Amino acid sequence: MINDQQPQQQTRKPIMAATTPPAEISLYILTYNCGLAPIDIDAFASQLFSGLTTSSLPDLLILSLQEIAPIPYALIGGSFQAPYFKRFHRAVQNASQKFTNSTENDQIYSPISSRNLGMTGIMAFAKDPDAIRDIETGGVGVGLAEMGNKAAVGVRFSYHKGGSSTELTFVAAHLAAMEDCWERRNEDWKSIVRGLVFSSALADGTKSRTELSPEGASLLSISPRDASVYKPTSHLFVAGDLNYRTSSLPPAPSDHINTFPQPSMDSSSPNHYYKLFELDQLNQERLAGRTCQGLTEAPVNFPPTYKYQLKEPFLTSDENLSRWNWAKHRWPSWCDRVLFLDMPKWMSTSHPNAKIVPRKYTALPLLPTSDHRPVSLEVTVPIIPIPSPPDEDQDDPRSKPPFTINPDWRAQRNRARKAELFVGFLMYYTTTTEGGSILLAMTIGTIAFYIAIRAILGM
């Protein structure tokens, strides 16, 4: 039979915006330049969570670390660097147990990722490791010959809770030093965006998700946009010693006497650190679109984090200090920062209540082993997936990254790794007591063996 009824006209229902705030995940991100020395475990643990505003520990703890170990140990890596990472594991365990009044047998945080490239490392801890899925990592050297004396390393994963999920990307970075090298720092950031490519092992563990063509050029089995630092569907946090300064010239010999900021200065003083922050190179270059494109930062209401003399008092808050002991040959600067991508604009209609909320952004007290102060960001992130951006939205770098991935990134990293091992072992045997002793023993053994062989052959 023929149905002679007119079909009902279908009307598309508009997408309704979420009216209630989504569930949130709490993050605590800390960046610290370790000063090439093993941390004092008790000192670090005592200050680790001093940047929190809540009485409960965050869901995720991320440590961005620079200059973790002496150069030869860091460039060689592996077992040479493992003891330095273990000290952070112990410090996190001690601090979390003390914060929660737990026993020594209670493990509050589970390590979910720990990786370094040369002297830069990242460590991720979760209270609920079962919420973490699809871990990916990546790294790139931006130092001499792309080695890891300066570098960036990242970890990416999805966090699942209550039937929803969100994707998170964390990058630890250490850029070029010195006052006049802001353009080099901008280039370092460009190299990070082009060369830090995320990948993970397949289920059978035999191949990486990134492959090499027979010619040695990298071919991505996933979209280059999905492997990029600026993944369209992921949040992004960048923390590290970005090394941007407050002057392009070193200070004059007398500047430290009257010009450097001190705790006793009133906010109206022309030498208060608020005035110094107006000269911050990172803000100038970022707002001009020349570095850290699209990233934002919580208000900076703390004093410069570099460069301090290693003089007491340590472990003391600014409110209880009468003087900051600045190094005389460097302008006090905010080298250590935590930046992030805000919620994408294309989600403002469907999820108007979904916001990234910084709770506290601060510098922790000076520790006894480094001339940098740690910097922490406590922040909450909504647990909702970020949809792919509309093609026409070009304002967000998730939609249009500022730089494309270097097609030769893997071969470049392999070349740099060989150089790191060569330089690392050369420095280990020639500049360290341990390596020198081994080299001397090997030399004596070789000479003794040669003499013994000659004696045998001469008989």
Protein backbone atom coordinates (compact mmCIF):
# COMPACT_ATOMS: atom_id res chain seq x y z
CA MET A 1 0.00 0.00 0.00
CA ILE A 2 1.01 3.51 -0.66
CA ASN A 3 0.98 5.75 2.36
CA ASP A 4 -0.69 8.94 1.23
CA GLN A 5 -0.06 10.74 4.50
CA GLN A 6 2.34 13.65 4.37
CA PRO A 7 5.55 12.91 6.23
CA GLN A 8 6.10 14.73 9.46
CA GLN A 9 8.65 17.54 9.03
CA GLN A 10 11.66 16.88 11.24
CA THR A 11 13.03 19.76 13.25
CA ARG A 12 16.52 19.64 14.69
CA LYS A 13 16.67 20.39 18.36
CA PRO A 14 19.28 22.94 19.34
CA ILE A 15 22.19 21.72 21.38
CA MET A 16 21.45 22.59 24.95
CA ALA A 17 24.23 24.09 26.99
CA ALA A 18 25.20 22.36 30.19
CA THR A 19 23.66 24.33 33.05
CA THR A 20 25.57 22.78 35.93
CA PRO A 21 29.33 22.87 36.36
CA PRO A 22 31.00 19.60 35.38
CA ALA A 23 33.05 17.48 37.75
CA GLU A 24 36.60 18.73 38.25
CA ILE A 25 40.06 17.30 38.63
CA SER A 26 42.48 19.10 40.92
CA LEU A 27 46.06 19.56 39.72
CA TYR A 28 49.19 20.68 41.52
CA ILE A 29 52.05 21.53 39.18
CA LEU A 30 55.47 22.39 40.56
CA THR A 31 58.54 23.47 38.62
CA TYR A 32 62.00 23.42 40.17
CA ASN A 33 65.53 23.96 38.90
CA CYS A 34 67.51 21.58 41.10
CA GLY A 35 70.86 23.30 40.56
CA LEU A 36 72.68 20.11 39.44
CA ALA A 37 72.53 18.75 42.97
CA PRO A 38 70.57 15.97 44.67
CA ILE A 39 67.69 17.45 46.62
CA ASP A 40 67.57 17.49 50.40
CA ILE A 41 64.66 15.07 50.75
CA ASP A 42 63.38 16.38 54.08
CA ALA A 43 63.70 20.03 53.04
CA PHE A 44 61.90 19.48 49.73
CA ALA A 45 59.17 17.41 51.38
CA SER A 46 58.60 20.08 54.03
CA GLN A 47 57.76 22.69 51.38
CA LEU A 48 56.27 20.60 48.59
CA PHE A 49 52.60 21.25 49.40
CA SER A 50 53.00 24.71 50.93
CA GLY A 51 51.43 26.17 47.78
CA LEU A 52 48.06 24.49 48.41
CA THR A 53 44.96 26.33 49.56
CA THR A 54 42.91 23.24 50.41
CA SER A 55 43.13 20.71 53.19
CA SER A 56 43.13 17.77 50.79
CA LEU A 57 45.79 16.68 48.36
CA PRO A 58 45.16 17.19 44.63
CA ASP A 59 44.20 14.37 42.30
CA LEU A 60 47.36 14.81 40.22
CA LEU A 61 50.84 15.99 41.14
CA ILE A 62 53.17 17.01 38.32
CA LEU A 63 56.86 17.81 38.88
CA SER A 64 58.76 19.71 36.19
CA LEU A 65 62.47 19.41 36.95
CA GLN A 66 65.51 21.06 35.43
CA GLU A 67 69.22 20.47 36.08
CA ILE A 68 68.29 17.30 37.94
CA ALA A 69 71.82 15.95 38.07
CA PRO A 70 75.38 16.94 37.11
CA ILE A 71 75.82 17.21 33.35
CA PRO A 72 77.62 13.90 32.69
CA TYR A 73 75.12 11.88 34.77
CA ALA A 74 72.18 13.65 33.13
CA LEU A 75 73.43 13.19 29.56
CA ILE A 76 74.19 9.50 30.09
CA GLY A 77 70.89 8.95 31.90
CA GLY A 78 69.62 5.54 32.95
CA SER A 79 71.15 4.18 36.14
CA PHE A 80 73.41 7.23 36.38
CA GLN A 81 70.40 9.48 36.89
CA ALA A 82 68.05 7.10 38.70
CA PRO A 83 69.22 8.00 42.23
CA TYR A 84 68.29 11.64 41.66
CA PHE A 85 64.75 10.69 40.63
CA LYS A 86 64.42 8.30 43.58
CA ARG A 87 64.97 11.19 45.98
CA PHE A 88 61.92 12.92 44.53
CA HIS A 89 59.87 9.73 44.88
CA ARG A 90 60.82 9.56 48.56
CA ALA A 91 60.11 13.26 49.08
CA VAL A 92 56.63 12.96 47.52
CA GLN A 93 55.88 9.92 49.66
CA ASN A 94 57.08 11.63 52.84
CA ALA A 95 55.26 14.89 52.14
CA SER A 96 51.94 13.25 51.24
CA GLN A 97 52.03 11.00 54.30
CA LYS A 98 52.72 13.93 56.58
CA PHE A 99 50.01 16.04 54.92
CA THR A 100 47.39 13.32 55.45
CA ASN A 101 48.74 12.05 58.80
CA SER A 102 49.19 8.62 57.24
CA THR A 103 51.54 5.84 58.21
CA GLU A 104 54.74 4.99 56.38
CA ASN A 105 53.07 2.02 54.74
CA ASP A 106 50.33 4.13 53.13
CA GLN A 107 50.97 5.16 49.53
CA ILE A 108 48.96 8.27 48.80
CA TYR A 109 50.34 8.84 45.32
CA SER A 110 51.20 6.30 42.67
CA PRO A 111 53.85 7.22 40.08
CA ILE A 112 52.33 7.05 36.61
CA SER A 113 55.14 8.47 34.49
CA SER A 114 58.74 9.50 35.00
CA ARG A 115 60.88 10.57 32.08
CA ASN A 116 63.83 12.76 31.35
CA LEU A 117 65.70 14.04 28.36
CA GLY A 118 69.15 15.06 29.48
CA MET A 119 68.94 17.49 32.36
CA THR A 120 65.17 18.07 32.13
CA GLY A 121 62.62 15.68 33.59
CA ILE A 122 58.95 15.29 34.34
CA MET A 123 57.26 13.15 36.99
CA ALA A 124 53.52 12.53 37.24
CA PHE A 125 51.74 11.10 40.30
CA ALA A 126 48.07 10.23 40.73
CA LYS A 127 45.96 9.40 43.78
CA ASP A 128 43.86 7.09 41.60
CA PRO A 129 46.12 5.43 39.02
CA ASP A 130 43.14 3.53 37.57
CA ALA A 131 41.80 6.86 36.29
CA ILE A 132 44.83 7.25 34.01
CA ARG A 133 44.76 5.80 30.49
CA ASP A 134 46.55 6.14 27.17
CA ILE A 135 49.88 7.49 28.41
CA GLU A 136 52.10 9.08 25.77
CA THR A 137 55.48 10.77 26.15
CA GLY A 138 57.87 12.80 24.06
CA GLY A 139 61.00 14.90 24.30
CA VAL A 140 63.35 17.13 22.37
CA GLY A 141 66.76 18.62 23.05
CA VAL A 142 67.25 22.32 22.39
CA GLY A 143 70.81 22.69 23.67
CA LEU A 144 74.10 22.52 21.82
CA ALA A 145 73.67 20.24 18.76
CA GLU A 146 70.10 19.51 19.96
CA MET A 147 71.48 17.78 23.05
CA GLY A 148 69.67 17.69 26.37
CA ASN A 149 71.66 20.25 28.33
CA LYS A 150 68.56 22.32 27.54
CA ALA A 151 65.43 20.39 26.63
CA ALA A 152 61.71 19.77 26.94
CA VAL A 153 59.99 16.54 27.89
CA GLY A 154 56.28 15.83 28.10
CA VAL A 155 53.64 13.38 29.22
CA ARG A 156 50.07 13.12 27.95
CA PHE A 157 47.19 10.96 29.17
CA SER A 158 43.43 10.87 29.57
CA TYR A 159 41.83 11.10 33.01
CA HIS A 160 38.55 9.20 33.53
CA LYS A 161 36.08 9.75 36.35
CA GLY A 162 32.33 9.28 36.74
CA GLY A 163 31.70 8.28 33.16
CA SER A 164 33.47 11.27 31.68
CA SER A 165 37.04 12.05 30.78
CA THR A 166 39.44 14.76 29.72
CA GLU A 167 42.85 14.74 28.10
CA LEU A 168 45.84 16.42 29.71
CA THR A 169 49.26 17.34 28.32
CA PHE A 170 52.13 18.45 30.55
CA VAL A 171 55.45 19.77 29.24
CA ALA A 172 58.56 20.45 31.33
CA ALA A 173 60.97 22.85 29.65
CA HIS A 174 64.36 24.45 30.17
CA LEU A 175 65.28 27.20 27.71
CA ALA A 176 68.47 29.14 26.94
CA ALA A 177 70.00 31.27 29.70
CA MET A 178 71.53 34.78 29.90
CA GLU A 179 69.85 38.18 29.80
CA ASP A 180 70.38 38.97 26.13
CA CYS A 181 69.21 35.60 24.75
CA TRP A 182 65.44 36.18 24.63
CA GLU A 183 65.41 35.58 20.89
CA ARG A 184 67.18 32.26 21.40
CA ARG A 185 64.56 31.34 23.98
CA ASN A 186 61.87 32.08 21.41
CA GLU A 187 63.69 29.78 18.98
CA ASP A 188 63.90 27.10 21.68
CA TRP A 189 60.13 27.25 22.05
CA LYS A 190 59.74 26.90 18.29
CA SER A 191 62.02 23.85 18.38
CA ILE A 192 59.90 22.36 21.16
CA VAL A 193 56.67 22.76 19.19
CA ARG A 194 58.32 21.30 16.09
CA GLY A 195 60.29 18.50 17.73
CA LEU A 196 58.44 17.31 20.83
CA VAL A 197 56.27 14.59 19.30
CA PHE A 198 54.13 12.40 21.52
CA SER A 199 54.00 8.65 20.94
CA SER A 200 53.23 5.46 22.84
CA ALA A 201 53.74 1.70 22.43
CA LEU A 202 51.14 -0.38 20.64
CA ALA A 203 49.35 -3.18 22.40
CA ASP A 204 51.86 -5.83 21.30
CA GLY A 205 54.75 -3.66 22.44
CA THR A 206 56.69 -4.27 19.22
CA LYS A 207 56.41 -0.90 17.51
CA SER A 208 55.93 2.73 18.31
CA ARG A 209 52.97 4.67 17.07
CA THR A 210 55.49 6.68 15.06
CA GLU A 211 57.37 4.95 12.28
CA LEU A 212 60.39 5.66 10.09
CA SER A 213 60.36 5.45 6.34
CA PRO A 214 63.24 3.56 4.63
CA GLU A 215 64.87 6.92 3.98
CA GLY A 216 64.86 7.69 7.69
CA ALA A 217 62.22 10.42 7.63
CA SER A 218 59.55 10.18 10.30
CA LEU A 219 56.07 9.17 9.19
CA LEU A 220 53.32 9.58 11.76
CA SER A 221 50.75 6.81 11.97
CA ILE A 222 48.55 9.33 13.75
CA SER A 223 47.75 12.84 12.65
CA PRO A 224 50.65 15.26 13.19
CA ARG A 225 48.18 17.53 14.95
CA ASP A 226 47.36 14.75 17.41
CA ALA A 227 51.06 14.13 18.07
CA SER A 228 51.82 17.82 18.55
CA VAL A 229 52.20 19.72 21.80
CA TYR A 230 49.11 21.63 20.66
CA LYS A 231 46.78 18.64 20.34
CA PRO A 232 43.28 19.89 19.38
CA THR A 233 41.45 17.81 22.00
CA SER A 234 43.83 18.20 24.95
CA HIS A 235 44.51 20.66 27.72
CA LEU A 236 48.10 21.91 27.84
CA PHE A 237 50.28 22.96 30.77
CA VAL A 238 53.88 24.13 30.28
CA ALA A 239 56.11 24.46 33.34
CA GLY A 240 59.81 25.03 33.70
CA ASP A 241 62.82 27.27 33.89
CA LEU A 242 61.90 29.31 30.83
CA ASN A 243 64.79 31.66 31.67
CA TYR A 244 63.17 34.90 30.48
CA ARG A 245 64.70 37.82 32.37
CA THR A 246 63.83 41.38 33.39
CA SER A 247 66.68 43.01 31.46
CA SER A 248 68.65 42.42 28.28
CA LEU A 249 71.86 43.55 30.04
CA PRO A 250 73.57 42.36 33.24
CA PRO A 251 73.25 44.67 36.24
CA ALA A 252 75.82 47.34 36.94
CA PRO A 253 78.15 46.66 39.91
CA SER A 254 76.13 48.88 42.25
CA ASP A 255 72.60 47.99 41.13
CA HIS A 256 72.15 45.33 43.76
CA ILE A 257 72.60 47.86 46.57
CA ASN A 258 69.65 50.15 45.97
CA THR A 259 67.78 48.85 42.92
CA PHE A 260 67.08 45.17 43.61
CA PRO A 261 63.71 44.57 45.35
CA GLN A 262 63.52 43.68 49.03
CA PRO A 263 60.68 42.49 51.30
CA SER A 264 60.63 45.77 53.22
CA MET A 265 59.77 47.85 50.13
CA ASP A 266 56.28 49.27 49.90
CA SER A 267 54.28 48.46 46.77
CA SER A 268 54.46 52.14 45.83
CA SER A 269 58.27 52.05 45.78
CA PRO A 270 59.81 52.43 42.30
CA ASN A 271 62.02 49.46 43.17
CA HIS A 272 59.24 47.13 44.31
CA TYR A 273 59.20 43.88 42.37
CA TYR A 274 55.84 44.85 40.84
CA LYS A 275 57.72 47.50 38.86
CA LEU A 276 60.42 45.02 37.89
CA PHE A 277 57.82 42.60 36.56
CA GLU A 278 56.74 45.20 34.01
CA LEU A 279 60.07 44.46 32.27
CA ASP A 280 59.50 40.72 32.17
CA GLN A 281 60.67 39.37 28.80
CA LEU A 282 58.28 36.41 28.78
CA ASN A 283 55.20 38.61 28.98
CA GLN A 284 56.58 40.95 26.33
CA GLU A 285 57.41 38.13 23.91
CA ARG A 286 54.29 36.08 24.66
CA LEU A 287 51.88 38.98 24.19
CA ALA A 288 53.66 39.87 20.94
CA GLY A 289 53.01 36.32 19.71
CA ARG A 290 56.69 35.39 19.45
CA THR A 291 56.71 32.61 22.07
CA CYS A 292 54.34 30.34 24.02
CA GLN A 293 51.58 31.18 21.56
CA GLY A 294 48.08 31.00 23.04
CA LEU A 295 49.29 30.19 26.55
CA THR A 296 48.18 32.22 29.53
CA GLU A 297 49.33 32.59 33.12
CA ALA A 298 47.70 33.20 36.46
CA PRO A 299 48.51 36.60 38.03
CA VAL A 300 52.11 36.76 39.28
CA ASN A 301 51.98 38.09 42.85
CA PHE A 302 55.23 36.65 44.13
CA PRO A 303 58.83 37.92 44.07
CA PRO A 304 61.42 36.90 41.47
CA THR A 305 62.46 33.25 41.63
CA TYR A 306 66.09 33.70 40.47
CA LYS A 307 68.96 34.27 41.22
CA TYR A 308 69.56 33.80 44.95
CA GLN A 309 72.74 33.31 46.89
CA LEU A 310 72.74 30.05 48.81
CA LYS A 311 72.61 31.75 52.18
CA GLU A 312 70.33 31.23 55.16
CA PRO A 313 67.57 31.51 56.05
CA PHE A 314 66.19 28.66 53.97
CA LEU A 315 62.67 27.20 54.09
CA THR A 316 61.27 30.57 55.18
CA SER A 317 58.21 32.29 53.72
CA ASP A 318 58.47 35.82 52.35
CA GLU A 319 56.31 37.12 55.17
CA ASN A 320 58.99 36.07 57.66
CA LEU A 321 62.00 37.36 55.70
CA SER A 322 63.69 40.70 56.22
CA ARG A 323 65.97 40.35 53.21
CA TRP A 324 66.29 38.47 49.93
CA ASN A 325 69.91 37.50 49.29
CA TRP A 326 70.20 38.18 45.57
CA ALA A 327 73.22 37.23 43.48
CA LYS A 328 74.88 40.49 42.48
CA HIS A 329 75.61 39.64 38.83
CA ARG A 330 72.06 38.74 37.69
CA TRP A 331 68.89 40.82 37.60
CA PRO A 332 66.22 39.24 39.81
CA SER A 333 63.86 37.57 37.35
CA TRP A 334 60.85 35.28 37.11
CA CYS A 335 62.63 32.46 35.30
CA ASP A 336 60.40 29.73 36.69
CA ARG A 337 56.83 29.71 35.37
CA VAL A 338 53.70 27.64 34.83
CA LEU A 339 51.58 28.48 31.76
CA PHE A 340 48.47 26.86 30.34
CA LEU A 341 45.95 26.91 27.50
CA ASP A 342 42.58 28.19 28.61
CA MET A 343 39.34 26.45 27.64
CA PRO A 344 38.80 26.65 23.88
CA LYS A 345 36.36 29.27 22.66
CA TRP A 346 34.30 26.75 20.71
CA MET A 347 33.16 25.17 24.02
CA SER A 348 31.74 28.41 25.42
CA THR A 349 28.25 27.68 24.03
CA SER A 350 27.92 24.02 24.93
CA HIS A 351 29.70 24.25 28.29
CA PRO A 352 29.61 27.85 29.53
CA ASN A 353 30.33 26.77 33.11
CA ALA A 354 33.40 24.75 32.21
CA LYS A 355 36.40 26.76 33.32
CA ILE A 356 40.03 26.24 34.24
CA VAL A 357 40.34 27.85 37.66
CA PRO A 358 43.76 28.71 39.12
CA ARG A 359 43.49 28.46 42.91
CA LYS A 360 46.96 29.63 43.84
CA TYR A 361 50.10 30.52 41.91
CA THR A 362 53.12 31.15 44.08
CA ALA A 363 56.84 30.78 44.71
CA LEU A 364 57.83 28.37 47.46
CA PRO A 365 60.59 29.20 49.94
CA LEU A 366 64.24 28.93 48.97
CA LEU A 367 65.69 25.44 49.42
CA PRO A 368 69.33 24.84 50.47
CA THR A 369 70.54 23.25 47.22
CA SER A 370 69.51 25.64 44.42
CA ASP A 371 69.63 29.33 43.48
CA HIS A 372 66.08 29.03 42.07
CA ARG A 373 62.89 28.97 44.11
CA PRO A 374 60.26 26.36 43.21
CA VAL A 375 57.03 27.68 41.70
CA SER A 376 53.67 25.93 42.08
CA LEU A 377 50.25 26.24 40.49
CA GLU A 378 47.14 24.78 42.11
CA VAL A 379 44.38 24.58 39.52
CA THR A 380 41.14 22.76 38.76
CA VAL A 381 40.17 21.48 35.31
CA PRO A 382 36.70 20.30 34.23
CA ILE A 383 36.42 16.61 33.42
CA ILE A 384 34.82 16.89 30.02
CA PRO A 385 36.24 15.93 26.63
CA ILE A 386 37.34 18.71 24.32
CA PRO A 387 35.75 18.21 20.89
CA SER A 388 37.74 18.79 17.74
CA PRO A 389 37.77 22.46 16.78
CA PRO A 390 35.69 23.78 13.91
CA ASP A 391 37.80 24.39 10.84
CA GLU A 392 37.01 28.07 10.80
CA ASP A 393 38.30 28.69 14.32
CA GLN A 394 41.87 29.83 13.82
CA ASP A 395 42.34 31.86 17.01
CA ASP A 396 43.24 28.90 19.21
CA PRO A 397 46.61 27.19 18.57
CA ARG A 398 44.85 23.87 19.09
CA SER A 399 43.16 24.60 15.78
CA LYS A 400 46.18 26.08 14.02
CA PRO A 401 49.53 25.45 15.77
CA PRO A 402 52.11 28.21 15.33
CA PHE A 403 54.65 25.75 13.86
CA THR A 404 54.41 22.43 12.07
CA ILE A 405 56.12 19.26 13.24
CA ASN A 406 59.65 18.76 11.93
CA PRO A 407 59.45 15.68 9.63
CA ASP A 408 63.02 14.77 10.60
CA TRP A 409 62.38 14.91 14.35
CA ARG A 410 63.15 11.28 15.12
CA ALA A 411 66.40 11.10 13.14
CA GLN A 412 67.46 14.39 14.72
CA ARG A 413 66.78 13.03 18.20
CA ASN A 414 68.74 9.84 17.45
CA ARG A 415 71.74 11.87 16.30
CA ALA A 416 71.56 14.05 19.39
CA ARG A 417 71.31 11.00 21.65
CA LYS A 418 74.56 9.62 20.28
CA ALA A 419 76.21 12.97 20.93
CA GLU A 420 74.81 13.02 24.49
CA LEU A 421 76.31 9.62 25.26
CA PHE A 422 79.69 10.59 23.80
CA VAL A 423 79.86 13.89 25.67
CA GLY A 424 78.38 12.39 28.83
CA PHE A 425 80.90 9.55 29.11
CA LEU A 426 83.78 11.85 28.11
CA MET A 427 82.86 14.25 30.91
CA TYR A 428 82.21 11.39 33.33
CA TYR A 429 85.69 9.96 32.93
CA THR A 430 87.47 13.33 32.87
CA THR A 431 85.54 15.53 35.32
CA THR A 432 84.14 13.26 38.05
CA THR A 433 86.03 11.57 40.87
CA GLU A 434 84.14 8.33 40.32
CA GLY A 435 84.80 8.29 36.58
CA GLY A 436 88.42 9.34 37.03
CA SER A 437 89.01 6.48 39.45
CA ILE A 438 87.53 3.99 36.98
CA LEU A 439 89.62 5.41 34.14
CA LEU A 440 92.77 5.24 36.27
CA ALA A 441 92.03 1.65 37.27
CA MET A 442 91.41 0.72 33.62
CA THR A 443 94.67 2.40 32.58
CA ILE A 444 96.68 0.63 35.29
CA GLY A 445 95.00 -2.66 34.40
CA THR A 446 95.80 -2.22 30.72
CA ILE A 447 99.45 -1.43 31.45
CA ALA A 448 99.72 -4.41 33.83
CA PHE A 449 98.15 -6.68 31.22
CA TYR A 450 100.57 -5.41 28.56
CA ILE A 451 103.55 -6.01 30.83
CA ALA A 452 102.32 -9.49 31.71
CA ILE A 453 101.83 -10.43 28.05
CA ARG A 454 105.33 -9.21 27.18
CA ALA A 455 106.78 -11.18 30.06
CA ILE A 456 104.97 -14.33 28.92
CA LEU A 457 105.98 -13.93 25.30
CA GLY A 458 109.56 -13.26 26.31
CA MET A 459 109.85 -16.52 28.19
